[in-house]
N, C-alpha and C. Protein backbone atom coordinates (compact mmCIF):
# COMPACT_ATOMS: atom_id res chain seq x y z
N MET A 1 4.86 -20.24 39.80
CA MET A 1 3.61 -20.69 40.63
C MET A 1 3.70 -22.52 41.19
N GLY A 2 3.46 -22.21 42.20
CA GLY A 2 3.20 -24.02 42.60
C GLY A 2 2.37 -24.90 42.27
N GLU A 3 2.92 -26.17 42.60
CA GLU A 3 2.12 -27.01 42.39
C GLU A 3 0.53 -27.05 42.77
N GLU A 4 0.79 -26.35 44.04
CA GLU A 4 -0.75 -26.25 44.99
C GLU A 4 -1.51 -25.26 44.08
N ASP A 5 -0.98 -24.50 43.32
CA ASP A 5 -2.00 -23.13 42.63
C ASP A 5 -2.56 -23.53 41.07
N LYS A 6 -2.21 -24.80 40.83
CA LYS A 6 -2.70 -25.27 39.74
C LYS A 6 -3.85 -25.88 40.14
N LYS A 7 -5.15 -25.15 38.90
CA LYS A 7 -6.16 -25.32 38.96
C LYS A 7 -6.23 -27.33 38.54
N PRO A 8 -7.10 -28.12 39.26
CA PRO A 8 -7.30 -29.06 38.68
C PRO A 8 -8.27 -29.36 37.16
N ALA A 9 -7.70 -30.47 36.50
CA ALA A 9 -8.18 -31.09 35.29
C ALA A 9 -9.67 -31.67 35.77
N PRO A 10 -10.61 -31.41 34.59
CA PRO A 10 -11.51 -31.68 34.90
C PRO A 10 -11.80 -33.75 35.34
N GLY A 11 -12.79 -33.24 36.32
CA GLY A 11 -12.35 -34.68 36.97
C GLY A 11 -11.86 -35.51 37.72
N GLU A 12 -10.95 -34.67 37.82
CA GLU A 12 -9.89 -34.66 39.18
C GLU A 12 -10.42 -34.16 40.43
N ASN A 13 -10.09 -34.89 41.48
CA ASN A 13 -10.85 -34.60 42.61
C ASN A 13 -9.68 -33.81 43.65
N ASP A 14 -9.90 -33.45 44.69
CA ASP A 14 -8.57 -32.65 45.57
C ASP A 14 -7.76 -34.06 45.82
N PHE A 15 -8.16 -34.77 46.46
CA PHE A 15 -7.45 -36.31 46.75
C PHE A 15 -6.41 -36.87 45.81
N SER A 16 -7.10 -36.57 44.59
CA SER A 16 -5.91 -37.27 43.38
C SER A 16 -4.66 -36.53 43.35
N ARG A 17 -5.38 -34.66 43.27
CA ARG A 17 -4.41 -34.09 43.33
C ARG A 17 -3.59 -33.70 44.14
N GLN A 18 -3.52 -33.95 45.63
CA GLN A 18 -2.54 -33.84 46.60
C GLN A 18 -1.84 -35.19 46.51
N VAL A 19 -2.15 -36.64 46.12
CA VAL A 19 -1.30 -37.50 45.93
C VAL A 19 -0.38 -37.64 44.97
N GLY A 20 -0.79 -36.65 43.51
CA GLY A 20 0.04 -36.25 42.71
C GLY A 20 1.07 -35.67 43.10
N ILE A 21 0.75 -34.17 43.86
CA ILE A 21 1.95 -33.55 43.92
C ILE A 21 2.91 -34.26 45.21
N LYS A 22 2.50 -35.21 46.14
CA LYS A 22 3.49 -35.99 47.12
C LYS A 22 4.08 -36.51 46.05
N ALA A 23 3.32 -37.70 45.61
CA ALA A 23 4.40 -38.56 44.46
C ALA A 23 5.37 -37.52 43.40
N ALA A 24 5.27 -36.77 43.21
CA ALA A 24 5.89 -35.76 42.31
C ALA A 24 7.00 -35.28 43.25
N ARG A 25 7.00 -34.80 44.40
CA ARG A 25 8.28 -34.45 45.77
C ARG A 25 8.99 -35.64 46.09
N LYS A 26 8.25 -36.53 46.13
CA LYS A 26 8.99 -37.52 46.26
C LYS A 26 10.01 -38.24 45.52
N ILE A 27 9.78 -38.26 43.98
CA ILE A 27 10.02 -38.81 43.18
C ILE A 27 11.36 -37.32 43.09
N LYS A 28 11.40 -36.35 43.15
CA LYS A 28 12.24 -35.05 43.26
C LYS A 28 13.11 -35.55 44.25
N ALA A 29 12.62 -35.64 45.96
CA ALA A 29 13.83 -35.86 46.81
C ALA A 29 14.51 -37.13 46.65
N GLN A 30 14.24 -38.15 46.03
CA GLN A 30 14.91 -39.67 45.67
C GLN A 30 16.22 -39.02 44.61
N ARG A 31 15.58 -38.69 43.67
CA ARG A 31 16.49 -37.82 42.72
C ARG A 31 17.77 -36.95 43.70
N ARG A 32 16.98 -36.33 44.00
CA ARG A 32 18.26 -35.58 44.90
C ARG A 32 19.15 -36.05 45.97
N VAL A 33 18.87 -37.10 46.63
CA VAL A 33 19.86 -38.08 47.67
C VAL A 33 20.60 -38.96 46.79
N THR A 34 20.31 -39.41 45.76
CA THR A 34 21.11 -40.32 44.79
C THR A 34 22.00 -39.52 44.10
N ARG A 35 21.79 -38.36 43.47
CA ARG A 35 22.80 -37.44 43.25
C ARG A 35 23.22 -36.83 44.92
N THR A 36 23.34 -36.89 45.68
CA THR A 36 23.77 -35.87 46.61
C THR A 36 25.43 -37.38 47.42
N VAL A 37 24.45 -38.67 47.61
CA VAL A 37 25.20 -39.90 47.78
C VAL A 37 26.29 -39.85 46.78
N TRP A 38 26.72 -39.99 45.41
CA TRP A 38 27.65 -39.99 45.11
C TRP A 38 28.47 -38.72 44.79
N SER A 39 27.91 -37.88 45.01
CA SER A 39 28.44 -36.24 44.54
C SER A 39 29.44 -36.28 46.38
N GLY A 40 28.79 -37.14 47.20
CA GLY A 40 29.44 -36.92 48.58
C GLY A 40 31.04 -38.12 48.33
N PHE A 41 30.43 -39.37 47.38
CA PHE A 41 31.88 -40.41 47.80
C PHE A 41 32.66 -39.11 47.12
N GLY A 42 32.91 -38.82 45.66
CA GLY A 42 33.52 -37.60 45.08
C GLY A 42 34.09 -36.87 45.65
N MET A 43 33.35 -36.38 46.58
CA MET A 43 34.04 -35.19 47.44
C MET A 43 35.10 -35.60 48.42
N MET A 44 34.41 -36.95 48.82
CA MET A 44 35.81 -37.71 49.76
C MET A 44 36.84 -38.12 49.71
N GLY A 45 36.63 -38.12 48.17
CA GLY A 45 37.71 -38.62 47.70
C GLY A 45 38.54 -37.39 46.86
N LEU A 46 38.25 -36.59 46.89
CA LEU A 46 38.38 -34.88 45.98
C LEU A 46 39.35 -34.52 47.49
N ILE A 47 38.52 -34.78 48.39
CA ILE A 47 38.96 -33.92 49.75
C ILE A 47 40.51 -34.49 50.25
N GLY A 48 40.54 -36.22 50.05
CA GLY A 48 41.67 -36.90 50.31
C GLY A 48 42.58 -36.31 49.41
N TRP A 49 42.60 -36.43 48.31
CA TRP A 49 43.75 -36.15 47.48
C TRP A 49 44.14 -34.82 47.74
N SER A 50 43.44 -33.75 47.80
CA SER A 50 43.74 -32.60 48.28
C SER A 50 44.76 -32.16 49.24
N VAL A 51 44.45 -33.04 50.28
CA VAL A 51 45.18 -33.05 51.74
C VAL A 51 46.43 -33.88 51.25
N ALA A 52 46.24 -35.21 50.86
CA ALA A 52 47.21 -35.70 50.71
C ALA A 52 48.53 -35.67 49.99
N ILE A 53 48.39 -34.95 49.02
CA ILE A 53 49.34 -34.54 47.69
C ILE A 53 49.95 -33.46 48.47
N PRO A 54 49.45 -32.25 48.59
CA PRO A 54 50.58 -31.06 49.13
C PRO A 54 51.08 -32.00 50.55
N THR A 55 50.77 -33.07 51.42
CA THR A 55 51.27 -33.24 52.25
C THR A 55 52.81 -34.18 52.17
N LEU A 56 52.15 -34.89 50.87
CA LEU A 56 53.47 -35.78 50.27
C LEU A 56 54.57 -34.69 49.71
N LEU A 57 54.12 -34.14 48.93
CA LEU A 57 54.84 -33.17 48.29
C LEU A 57 55.86 -32.77 49.50
N GLY A 58 55.47 -31.50 50.40
CA GLY A 58 56.01 -31.28 51.09
C GLY A 58 56.92 -31.67 52.08
N ALA A 59 57.11 -33.83 52.57
CA ALA A 59 57.56 -34.23 52.80
C ALA A 59 58.77 -34.82 52.07
N ALA A 60 58.60 -34.60 51.21
CA ALA A 60 59.62 -35.55 49.86
C ALA A 60 60.66 -34.11 49.76
N LEU A 61 59.97 -32.95 49.54
CA LEU A 61 60.75 -31.91 49.67
C LEU A 61 61.73 -31.69 50.72
N GLY A 62 61.02 -31.56 51.76
CA GLY A 62 61.44 -31.92 53.17
C GLY A 62 62.79 -32.49 52.83
N LEU A 63 63.31 -34.48 52.67
CA LEU A 63 64.00 -35.11 52.52
C LEU A 63 65.10 -34.74 51.76
N TRP A 64 64.53 -34.20 50.44
CA TRP A 64 65.28 -33.43 49.62
C TRP A 64 66.38 -32.43 50.28
N LEU A 65 65.84 -31.82 51.01
CA LEU A 65 66.53 -30.77 51.36
C LEU A 65 67.14 -31.04 53.05
N ASP A 66 67.03 -32.16 53.52
CA ASP A 66 67.78 -32.57 54.71
C ASP A 66 68.97 -33.14 54.15
N ASP A 67 68.80 -33.65 52.75
CA ASP A 67 70.09 -34.77 52.14
C ASP A 67 71.09 -33.94 51.97
N ARG A 68 70.82 -32.18 51.28
CA ARG A 68 71.13 -31.71 50.52
C ARG A 68 71.74 -30.70 51.83
N HIS A 69 71.46 -30.33 53.03
CA HIS A 69 71.70 -29.32 53.64
C HIS A 69 71.45 -29.38 55.25
N PRO A 70 72.12 -30.47 55.85
CA PRO A 70 71.84 -31.30 57.15
C PRO A 70 72.16 -29.87 57.91
N GLY A 71 71.29 -30.06 58.66
CA GLY A 71 71.57 -28.75 59.77
C GLY A 71 70.57 -29.13 61.10
N GLY A 72 70.25 -28.59 62.19
CA GLY A 72 70.10 -28.47 63.61
C GLY A 72 68.33 -28.80 63.06
N ARG A 73 67.52 -28.11 62.39
CA ARG A 73 66.22 -28.21 61.96
C ARG A 73 66.32 -29.42 60.89
N SER A 74 64.29 -29.81 60.91
CA SER A 74 64.01 -30.77 60.24
C SER A 74 63.47 -30.17 59.09
N TRP A 75 63.46 -30.46 57.77
CA TRP A 75 63.10 -29.62 56.77
C TRP A 75 61.71 -30.49 56.04
N THR A 76 61.82 -31.67 56.80
CA THR A 76 60.99 -32.93 56.07
C THR A 76 59.50 -32.65 57.23
N LEU A 77 60.00 -32.42 58.46
CA LEU A 77 58.54 -32.47 59.18
C LEU A 77 57.97 -30.46 59.04
N ALA A 78 58.84 -29.62 59.08
CA ALA A 78 58.28 -28.13 58.59
C ALA A 78 57.65 -28.36 57.03
N LEU A 79 58.19 -28.79 56.23
CA LEU A 79 57.42 -28.78 54.72
C LEU A 79 56.23 -29.75 54.86
N MET A 80 56.35 -30.87 55.64
CA MET A 80 55.09 -31.76 56.01
C MET A 80 53.87 -31.11 56.63
N ALA A 81 54.40 -30.35 57.49
CA ALA A 81 53.12 -29.71 57.86
C ALA A 81 52.79 -28.30 57.54
N ALA A 82 53.86 -27.93 56.60
CA ALA A 82 53.13 -26.46 55.64
C ALA A 82 52.37 -27.21 54.66
N GLY A 83 52.81 -28.60 53.97
CA GLY A 83 51.91 -29.28 52.77
C GLY A 83 50.68 -29.62 53.43
N LEU A 84 50.81 -30.13 54.80
CA LEU A 84 49.12 -30.17 55.16
C LEU A 84 48.33 -29.11 55.84
N VAL A 85 48.94 -28.44 55.92
CA VAL A 85 48.34 -26.71 56.24
C VAL A 85 47.50 -26.15 54.53
N LEU A 86 48.30 -26.05 53.99
CA LEU A 86 48.08 -26.18 52.44
C LEU A 86 46.95 -26.96 51.97
N GLY A 87 47.06 -28.20 52.31
CA GLY A 87 45.93 -29.08 51.49
C GLY A 87 44.51 -29.05 52.26
N CYS A 88 44.64 -28.43 53.81
CA CYS A 88 43.47 -28.56 54.47
C CYS A 88 42.92 -27.14 54.04
N PHE A 89 43.48 -25.87 53.41
CA PHE A 89 42.84 -24.81 53.03
C PHE A 89 42.50 -25.31 51.57
N ASN A 90 42.94 -25.79 50.61
CA ASN A 90 42.91 -26.15 49.38
C ASN A 90 41.57 -27.23 49.56
N ALA A 91 41.11 -28.14 50.74
CA ALA A 91 40.26 -28.98 50.95
C ALA A 91 39.14 -28.00 51.58
N TRP A 92 39.22 -27.22 52.16
CA TRP A 92 37.80 -26.19 52.68
C TRP A 92 37.63 -25.73 51.41
N HIS A 93 38.50 -25.08 50.53
CA HIS A 93 37.76 -24.42 49.49
C HIS A 93 37.20 -24.84 48.71
N TRP A 94 37.39 -26.33 48.28
CA TRP A 94 36.79 -27.17 47.55
C TRP A 94 35.09 -27.65 48.52
N VAL A 95 35.08 -27.79 49.87
CA VAL A 95 34.25 -28.09 50.28
C VAL A 95 32.90 -27.01 50.14
N THR A 96 33.60 -25.41 50.59
CA THR A 96 32.41 -24.34 50.46
C THR A 96 32.23 -24.18 49.24
N LYS A 97 33.11 -24.80 48.01
CA LYS A 97 32.51 -24.57 46.68
C LYS A 97 31.42 -24.92 46.40
N GLU A 98 31.01 -26.25 46.59
CA GLU A 98 30.46 -27.15 46.55
C GLU A 98 28.83 -27.36 47.42
N GLU A 99 29.32 -26.69 48.62
CA GLU A 99 28.14 -26.21 49.17
C GLU A 99 27.44 -25.23 48.75
N GLN A 100 28.33 -23.88 47.52
CA GLN A 100 27.57 -23.43 47.50
C GLN A 100 26.52 -23.43 46.20
N GLU A 101 27.42 -24.51 45.36
CA GLU A 101 26.77 -24.99 44.49
C GLU A 101 25.49 -25.80 45.21
N ILE A 102 25.44 -26.85 45.77
CA ILE A 102 24.22 -27.35 46.57
C ILE A 102 22.87 -26.50 46.45
N HIS A 103 23.30 -25.29 47.08
CA HIS A 103 22.46 -24.30 47.57
C HIS A 103 22.10 -23.69 46.78
N GLU A 104 22.85 -23.09 45.61
CA GLU A 104 22.08 -22.68 44.54
C GLU A 104 21.12 -23.64 43.48
N GLN A 105 21.55 -24.82 43.55
CA GLN A 105 20.88 -25.70 43.36
C GLN A 105 19.29 -26.04 43.40
N GLU A 106 19.48 -25.76 44.93
CA GLU A 106 18.26 -26.16 45.71
C GLU A 106 17.26 -24.97 45.33
N ALA A 107 17.97 -23.30 45.37
CA ALA A 107 17.17 -22.58 45.45
C ALA A 107 16.25 -22.70 43.69
N ASP A 108 17.52 -23.22 42.88
CA ASP A 108 16.49 -23.07 41.51
C ASP A 108 15.75 -24.00 41.04
N ASP A 109 15.58 -25.18 42.08
CA ASP A 109 14.60 -26.39 42.10
C ASP A 109 13.35 -25.92 42.91
N ASP A 110 13.58 -25.13 43.95
CA ASP A 110 12.00 -24.11 44.51
C ASP A 110 11.22 -23.40 43.69
N GLU A 111 12.08 -22.86 42.65
CA GLU A 111 11.25 -22.16 42.04
C GLU A 111 10.54 -22.83 40.89
C-alpha cells in the first residue's frame, strides 16, 4: 500500500498530506545518496586492490621465474598480464555483485 493510498487523518487537508509525502521521499532519497557515496568510495578501493594485488603477484612470480629460468621469453610480462586479466575479472565480479545488491535494495524500498 503506497503512501498516496492512506486516508488522511481528521483535520488533515490534501495539501499537508502531499507535503508530508514529499518530505518523506526527500529524506529517503538523501539517506540513499549518502549510503551510495560511501559505498562508492569503498567500492573504488576494493576494485583498485582487487586489480593491483594479482598484477603485482604475477609480476613478482614472473621476476622470480626469470631469475631461476632465464630464456627467450619474459615470464614477468606474461604473468603480469595474466594477473591484470585475473584482477579485472575479479573487479567485474565485485561490481556486478554490488549492482545486484543495490537493485535488490531499491526493489525492497519500493515495496
